[in-house]
Amino acid sequence: MTLLRNMAVAALCLFASANAEDKKPAKFDAEKIVGKYSIVSGEKFGKAEPAEMFKNATFEIEKDKMTMPTPDGKFVFAYKIDAATEPAGLDLEITEGPIGKGSKSKGIIKLDDDTLTICYPAMEGDRPKEFKTSDDKKTMLFVMKKAK
């Protein structure tokens, strides 16, 4: 009886580990990011930005553009998502704004439930490979919560 139980437990463990290996991350679904967000935190060049900077900060994503109002004026970004990569790639171009019109950036994006995270170089540069910034004066990261 004990031998039979041990064999059953071993078989279940093998089955569970085989299933865990078969699971791949879900493909990024760009349609799920459409909506209004509150920016909850951000990092710039390896340092966290002050929380008060994001008080009442919003970000809106539509099917073909992202809009971010700022005290200096409204920024509008055209964007494309490459869902075939892990993490998903995010190509941005400023189409309207008080500065930087025509500037492009290659970033990454992820969505966990209602939390959207984007990371990108401040100016044209290499696409980040992970969601973090460094003091190299290149990368920025923002975390946003989708409005209910």
C-alpha atoms as a PDB file:
ATOM      1  CA  MET A   1       0.000   0.000   0.000  1.00  0.00           C
ATOM      2  CA  THR A   2       2.769   2.470   0.935  1.00  0.00           C
ATOM      3  CA  LEU A   3       4.702   1.633  -2.255  1.00  0.00           C
ATOM      4  CA  LEU A   4       1.574   2.224  -4.338  1.00  0.00           C
ATOM      5  CA  ARG A   5       0.925   5.571  -2.608  1.00  0.00           C
ATOM      6  CA  ASN A   6       4.564   6.682  -3.135  1.00  0.00           C
ATOM      7  CA  MET A   7       4.351   5.752  -6.827  1.00  0.00           C
ATOM      8  CA  ALA A   8       1.128   7.753  -7.169  1.00  0.00           C
ATOM      9  CA  VAL A   9       2.703  10.788  -5.480  1.00  0.00           C
ATOM     10  CA  ALA A  10       5.785  10.516  -7.729  1.00  0.00           C
ATOM     11  CA  ALA A  11       3.585  10.287 -10.832  1.00  0.00           C
ATOM     12  CA  LEU A  12       1.606  13.357  -9.756  1.00  0.00           C
ATOM     13  CA  CYS A  13       4.834  15.303  -9.176  1.00  0.00           C
ATOM     14  CA  LEU A  14       6.147  14.356 -12.627  1.00  0.00           C
ATOM     15  CA  PHE A  15       2.834  15.291 -14.234  1.00  0.00           C
ATOM     16  CA  ALA A  16       2.727  18.640 -12.410  1.00  0.00           C
ATOM     17  CA  SER A  17       6.291  19.569 -13.352  1.00  0.00           C
ATOM     18  CA  ALA A  18       5.723  18.602 -16.981  1.00  0.00           C
ATOM     19  CA  ASN A  19       2.642  20.847 -17.103  1.00  0.00           C
ATOM     20  CA  ALA A  20       4.536  23.724 -15.490  1.00  0.00           C
ATOM     21  CA  GLU A  21       7.225  23.491 -18.172  1.00  0.00           C
ATOM     22  CA  ASP A  22       4.599  23.483 -20.935  1.00  0.00           C
ATOM     23  CA  LYS A  23       3.085  26.760 -19.727  1.00  0.00           C
ATOM     24  CA  LYS A  24       4.382  29.763 -21.620  1.00  0.00           C
ATOM     25  CA  PRO A  25       3.655  33.361 -20.693  1.00  0.00           C
ATOM     26  CA  ALA A  26       0.392  34.532 -22.198  1.00  0.00           C
ATOM     27  CA  LYS A  27       0.828  36.575 -25.357  1.00  0.00           C
ATOM     28  CA  PHE A  28       0.402  40.293 -24.724  1.00  0.00           C
ATOM     29  CA  ASP A  29      -3.107  41.444 -25.697  1.00  0.00           C
ATOM     30  CA  ALA A  30      -2.894  45.078 -26.853  1.00  0.00           C
ATOM     31  CA  GLU A  31      -6.684  45.481 -26.777  1.00  0.00           C
ATOM     32  CA  LYS A  32      -6.672  45.028 -22.984  1.00  0.00           C
ATOM     33  CA  ILE A  33      -4.595  48.172 -22.383  1.00  0.00           C
ATOM     34  CA  VAL A  34      -7.163  50.560 -23.867  1.00  0.00           C
ATOM     35  CA  GLY A  35      -8.553  52.786 -21.127  1.00  0.00           C
ATOM     36  CA  LYS A  36      -7.802  55.526 -18.620  1.00  0.00           C
ATOM     37  CA  TYR A  37      -5.032  55.191 -16.048  1.00  0.00           C
ATOM     38  CA  SER A  38      -3.661  56.939 -13.000  1.00  0.00           C
ATOM     39  CA  ILE A  39       0.118  57.083 -12.865  1.00  0.00           C
ATOM     40  CA  VAL A  40       1.078  55.706  -9.461  1.00  0.00           C
ATOM     41  CA  SER A  41       4.872  55.722  -9.611  1.00  0.00           C
ATOM     42  CA  GLY A  42       7.847  56.326 -11.804  1.00  0.00           C
ATOM     43  CA  GLU A  43      11.598  56.069 -12.023  1.00  0.00           C
ATOM     44  CA  LYS A  44      13.988  58.141 -14.055  1.00  0.00           C
ATOM     45  CA  PHE A  45      17.616  57.205 -14.614  1.00  0.00           C
ATOM     46  CA  GLY A  46      17.744  54.790 -11.667  1.00  0.00           C
ATOM     47  CA  LYS A  47      15.966  56.959  -9.104  1.00  0.00           C
ATOM     48  CA  ALA A  48      12.358  56.950  -7.940  1.00  0.00           C
ATOM     49  CA  GLU A  49      10.470  60.121  -8.741  1.00  0.00           C
ATOM     50  CA  PRO A  50       8.683  61.873  -5.825  1.00  0.00           C
ATOM     51  CA  ALA A  51       5.163  60.535  -5.206  1.00  0.00           C
ATOM     52  CA  GLU A  52       3.680  64.057  -5.317  1.00  0.00           C
ATOM     53  CA  MET A  53       4.799  64.276  -8.946  1.00  0.00           C
ATOM     54  CA  PHE A  54       2.096  61.750  -9.834  1.00  0.00           C
ATOM     55  CA  LYS A  55      -0.738  63.173  -7.772  1.00  0.00           C
ATOM     56  CA  ASN A  56      -3.663  63.456 -10.223  1.00  0.00           C
ATOM     57  CA  ALA A  57      -1.405  62.354 -13.125  1.00  0.00           C
ATOM     58  CA  THR A  58      -3.366  60.533 -15.807  1.00  0.00           C
ATOM     59  CA  PHE A  59      -2.639  58.592 -18.962  1.00  0.00           C
ATOM     60  CA  GLU A  60      -5.169  57.526 -21.587  1.00  0.00           C
ATOM     61  CA  ILE A  61      -4.679  54.772 -24.127  1.00  0.00           C
ATOM     62  CA  GLU A  62      -6.783  54.427 -27.242  1.00  0.00           C
ATOM     63  CA  LYS A  63      -6.435  51.887 -30.044  1.00  0.00           C
ATOM     64  CA  ASP A  64      -3.906  54.006 -31.937  1.00  0.00           C
ATOM     65  CA  LYS A  65      -2.569  56.627 -29.501  1.00  0.00           C
ATOM     66  CA  MET A  66      -1.598  57.389 -25.923  1.00  0.00           C
ATOM     67  CA  THR A  67      -2.265  60.780 -24.321  1.00  0.00           C
ATOM     68  CA  MET A  68      -0.587  62.238 -21.255  1.00  0.00           C
ATOM     69  CA  PRO A  69      -1.564  65.699 -19.992  1.00  0.00           C
ATOM     70  CA  THR A  70       1.227  67.491 -18.107  1.00  0.00           C
ATOM     71  CA  PRO A  71       1.553  70.942 -16.529  1.00  0.00           C
ATOM     72  CA  ASP A  72       3.616  71.929 -19.600  1.00  0.00           C
ATOM     73  CA  GLY A  73       1.037  70.715 -22.121  1.00  0.00           C
ATOM     74  CA  LYS A  74      -0.509  67.564 -23.534  1.00  0.00           C
ATOM     75  CA  PHE A  75       1.677  64.844 -25.064  1.00  0.00           C
ATOM     76  CA  VAL A  76       0.224  62.502 -27.670  1.00  0.00           C
ATOM     77  CA  PHE A  77       2.111  59.374 -28.696  1.00  0.00           C
ATOM     78  CA  ALA A  78       1.509  57.081 -31.654  1.00  0.00           C
ATOM     79  CA  TYR A  79       2.370  53.538 -30.601  1.00  0.00           C
ATOM     80  CA  LYS A  80       2.845  50.005 -31.876  1.00  0.00           C
ATOM     81  CA  ILE A  81       3.145  46.859 -29.807  1.00  0.00           C
ATOM     82  CA  ASP A  82       5.171  43.790 -30.738  1.00  0.00           C
ATOM     83  CA  ALA A  83       3.403  41.031 -28.827  1.00  0.00           C
ATOM     84  CA  ALA A  84       5.700  38.347 -30.281  1.00  0.00           C
ATOM     85  CA  THR A  85       8.568  39.312 -27.972  1.00  0.00           C
ATOM     86  CA  GLU A  86       8.913  38.687 -24.233  1.00  0.00           C
ATOM     87  CA  PRO A  87       8.463  41.214 -22.754  1.00  0.00           C
ATOM     88  CA  ALA A  88       6.250  42.824 -25.378  1.00  0.00           C
ATOM     89  CA  GLY A  89       7.903  45.620 -27.345  1.00  0.00           C
ATOM     90  CA  LEU A  90       6.483  49.146 -27.380  1.00  0.00           C
ATOM     91  CA  ASP A  91       7.432  51.624 -30.121  1.00  0.00           C
ATOM     92  CA  LEU A  92       6.502  55.230 -29.323  1.00  0.00           C
ATOM     93  CA  GLU A  93       6.560  58.453 -31.326  1.00  0.00           C
ATOM     94  CA  ILE A  94       5.580  61.876 -29.992  1.00  0.00           C
ATOM     95  CA  THR A  95       3.040  63.246 -32.482  1.00  0.00           C
ATOM     96  CA  GLU A  96       1.916  66.252 -30.403  1.00  0.00           C
ATOM     97  CA  GLY A  97       3.382  68.021 -27.439  1.00  0.00           C
ATOM     98  CA  PRO A  98       5.153  71.053 -26.074  1.00  0.00           C
ATOM     99  CA  ILE A  99       8.533  69.466 -26.923  1.00  0.00           C
ATOM    100  CA  GLY A 100       9.950  66.466 -28.761  1.00  0.00           C
ATOM    101  CA  LYS A 101       7.516  66.190 -31.664  1.00  0.00           C
ATOM    102  CA  GLY A 102       8.752  63.398 -33.948  1.00  0.00           C
ATOM    103  CA  SER A 103      10.952  61.820 -31.251  1.00  0.00           C
ATOM    104  CA  LYS A 104      10.864  58.038 -31.175  1.00  0.00           C
ATOM    105  CA  SER A 105      11.626  55.507 -28.476  1.00  0.00           C
ATOM    106  CA  LYS A 106      11.682  51.710 -28.253  1.00  0.00           C
ATOM    107  CA  GLY A 107      10.405  50.374 -24.945  1.00  0.00           C
ATOM    108  CA  ILE A 108       8.747  47.401 -23.305  1.00  0.00           C
ATOM    109  CA  ILE A 109       5.279  47.010 -21.818  1.00  0.00           C
ATOM    110  CA  LYS A 110       3.432  44.596 -19.545  1.00  0.00           C
ATOM    111  CA  LEU A 111      -0.057  44.357 -18.090  1.00  0.00           C
ATOM    112  CA  ASP A 112      -0.762  42.521 -14.827  1.00  0.00           C
ATOM    113  CA  ASP A 113      -4.492  42.657 -14.088  1.00  0.00           C
ATOM    114  CA  ASP A 114      -5.129  46.436 -13.863  1.00  0.00           C
ATOM    115  CA  THR A 115      -1.460  47.452 -13.515  1.00  0.00           C
ATOM    116  CA  LEU A 116       0.340  48.662 -16.635  1.00  0.00           C
ATOM    117  CA  THR A 117       4.112  49.093 -16.622  1.00  0.00           C
ATOM    118  CA  ILE A 118       6.162  50.692 -19.379  1.00  0.00           C
ATOM    119  CA  CYS A 119       9.913  51.159 -19.565  1.00  0.00           C
ATOM    120  CA  TYR A 120      11.751  53.006 -22.323  1.00  0.00           C
ATOM    121  CA  PRO A 121      14.848  55.085 -23.031  1.00  0.00           C
ATOM    122  CA  ALA A 122      14.216  58.816 -22.634  1.00  0.00           C
ATOM    123  CA  MET A 123      15.763  59.501 -26.026  1.00  0.00           C
ATOM    124  CA  GLU A 124      16.232  57.198 -28.963  1.00  0.00           C
ATOM    125  CA  GLY A 125      18.259  54.208 -27.852  1.00  0.00           C
ATOM    126  CA  ASP A 126      18.208  50.471 -27.352  1.00  0.00           C
ATOM    127  CA  ARG A 127      15.046  48.756 -26.179  1.00  0.00           C
ATOM    128  CA  PRO A 128      15.334  47.777 -22.473  1.00  0.00           C
ATOM    129  CA  LYS A 129      15.373  44.055 -21.768  1.00  0.00           C
ATOM    130  CA  GLU A 130      13.832  44.303 -18.296  1.00  0.00           C
ATOM    131  CA  PHE A 131      11.569  46.586 -16.265  1.00  0.00           C
ATOM    132  CA  LYS A 132      14.130  48.615 -14.364  1.00  0.00           C
ATOM    133  CA  THR A 133      16.058  51.822 -14.736  1.00  0.00           C
ATOM    134  CA  SER A 134      19.683  52.617 -14.100  1.00  0.00           C
ATOM    135  CA  ASP A 135      21.743  55.707 -13.503  1.00  0.00           C
ATOM    136  CA  ASP A 136      23.043  55.653 -17.076  1.00  0.00           C
ATOM    137  CA  LYS A 137      20.760  58.620 -17.886  1.00  0.00           C
ATOM    138  CA  LYS A 138      18.801  56.571 -20.388  1.00  0.00           C
ATOM    139  CA  THR A 139      15.780  54.686 -19.062  1.00  0.00           C
ATOM    140  CA  MET A 140      12.458  55.703 -17.545  1.00  0.00           C
ATOM    141  CA  LEU A 141       9.750  53.519 -16.037  1.00  0.00           C
ATOM    142  CA  PHE A 142       6.130  54.243 -15.170  1.00  0.00           C
ATOM    143  CA  VAL A 143       3.564  52.148 -13.295  1.00  0.00           C
ATOM    144  CA  MET A 144      -0.125  52.918 -13.854  1.00  0.00           C
ATOM    145  CA  LYS A 145      -3.423  51.621 -12.498  1.00  0.00           C
ATOM    146  CA  LYS A 146      -6.394  51.304 -14.799  1.00  0.00           C
ATOM    147  CA  ALA A 147      -9.501  53.242 -13.756  1.00  0.00           C
ATOM    148  CA  LYS A 148     -12.441  51.063 -12.770  1.00  0.00           C
END
